[in-house]
Amino acid sequence: MLTSILVVLFSIYASVESFAYAIYEIKVNQNKSGGIILILLSLAGLILPIVSYFLF
């Protein structure tokens, strides 16, 4: 039970940090392609660990 909560919380935290850096890349560094890729990777980093933990 505790492990599943930690997996979900860590995935959410890592995803929020990556998403915030993606916004920084888009707004400050004017790097739209890098920001979009980081947003997609942060979404994958949110969904894939949680799904793989509960399936396997």
C-alpha atoms as a PDB file:
ATOM      1  CA  MET A   1       0.000   0.000   0.000  1.00  0.00           C
ATOM      2  CA  LEU A   2       2.709   2.451   0.993  1.00  0.00           C
ATOM      3  CA  THR A   3       4.808   1.561  -2.037  1.00  0.00           C
ATOM      4  CA  SER A   4       1.963   2.287  -4.430  1.00  0.00           C
ATOM      5  CA  ILE A   5       1.381   5.679  -2.811  1.00  0.00           C
ATOM      6  CA  LEU A   6       5.086   6.489  -3.102  1.00  0.00           C
ATOM      7  CA  VAL A   7       5.157   5.468  -6.766  1.00  0.00           C
ATOM      8  CA  VAL A   8       2.211   7.724  -7.556  1.00  0.00           C
ATOM      9  CA  LEU A   9       3.587  10.671  -5.562  1.00  0.00           C
ATOM     10  CA  PHE A  10       7.061  10.419  -7.063  1.00  0.00           C
ATOM     11  CA  SER A  11       5.626  10.170 -10.580  1.00  0.00           C
ATOM     12  CA  ILE A  12       3.481  13.243 -10.025  1.00  0.00           C
ATOM     13  CA  TYR A  13       6.410  15.185  -8.549  1.00  0.00           C
ATOM     14  CA  ALA A  14       8.768  14.284 -11.396  1.00  0.00           C
ATOM     15  CA  SER A  15       6.127  15.118 -13.973  1.00  0.00           C
ATOM     16  CA  VAL A  16       5.394  18.527 -12.446  1.00  0.00           C
ATOM     17  CA  GLU A  17       9.109  19.379 -12.318  1.00  0.00           C
ATOM     18  CA  SER A  18       9.588  18.357 -15.955  1.00  0.00           C
ATOM     19  CA  PHE A  19       6.489  20.259 -17.032  1.00  0.00           C
ATOM     20  CA  ALA A  20       7.700  23.396 -15.245  1.00  0.00           C
ATOM     21  CA  TYR A  21      11.061  23.175 -16.992  1.00  0.00           C
ATOM     22  CA  ALA A  22       9.269  22.706 -20.323  1.00  0.00           C
ATOM     23  CA  ILE A  23       7.327  25.925 -19.743  1.00  0.00           C
ATOM     24  CA  TYR A  24      10.617  27.651 -18.890  1.00  0.00           C
ATOM     25  CA  GLU A  25      12.173  26.387 -22.119  1.00  0.00           C
ATOM     26  CA  ILE A  26       9.226  27.648 -24.165  1.00  0.00           C
ATOM     27  CA  LYS A  27       8.897  31.081 -22.547  1.00  0.00           C
ATOM     28  CA  VAL A  28      12.425  32.106 -21.564  1.00  0.00           C
ATOM     29  CA  ASN A  29      14.685  30.269 -23.988  1.00  0.00           C
ATOM     30  CA  GLN A  30      12.254  30.436 -26.937  1.00  0.00           C
ATOM     31  CA  ASN A  31      12.794  26.720 -27.535  1.00  0.00           C
ATOM     32  CA  LYS A  32       9.338  25.549 -28.580  1.00  0.00           C
ATOM     33  CA  SER A  33      10.338  22.190 -30.013  1.00  0.00           C
ATOM     34  CA  GLY A  34      12.331  21.273 -26.898  1.00  0.00           C
ATOM     35  CA  GLY A  35       9.495  22.407 -24.639  1.00  0.00           C
ATOM     36  CA  ILE A  36       6.912  20.375 -26.508  1.00  0.00           C
ATOM     37  CA  ILE A  37       9.108  17.280 -26.371  1.00  0.00           C
ATOM     38  CA  LEU A  38       9.621  17.789 -22.634  1.00  0.00           C
ATOM     39  CA  ILE A  39       5.864  18.119 -22.106  1.00  0.00           C
ATOM     40  CA  LEU A  40       5.280  14.856 -23.953  1.00  0.00           C
ATOM     41  CA  LEU A  41       8.022  13.134 -21.969  1.00  0.00           C
ATOM     42  CA  SER A  42       6.619  14.440 -18.684  1.00  0.00           C
ATOM     43  CA  LEU A  43       3.194  13.054 -19.566  1.00  0.00           C
ATOM     44  CA  ALA A  44       4.762   9.711 -20.438  1.00  0.00           C
ATOM     45  CA  GLY A  45       6.701   9.869 -17.170  1.00  0.00           C
ATOM     46  CA  LEU A  46       3.471  10.392 -15.305  1.00  0.00           C
ATOM     47  CA  ILE A  47       1.448   7.652 -16.953  1.00  0.00           C
ATOM     48  CA  LEU A  48       3.900   4.838 -17.734  1.00  0.00           C
ATOM     49  CA  PRO A  49       5.399   4.209 -14.259  1.00  0.00           C
ATOM     50  CA  ILE A  50       1.988   4.131 -12.604  1.00  0.00           C
ATOM     51  CA  VAL A  51       0.492   1.812 -15.207  1.00  0.00           C
ATOM     52  CA  SER A  52       3.503  -0.507 -15.231  1.00  0.00           C
ATOM     53  CA  TYR A  53       3.555  -0.690 -11.422  1.00  0.00           C
ATOM     54  CA  PHE A  54      -0.059  -1.703 -11.182  1.00  0.00           C
ATOM     55  CA  LEU A  55       0.025  -4.119 -14.139  1.00  0.00           C
ATOM     56  CA  PHE A  56       3.213  -5.945 -13.279  1.00  0.00           C
END
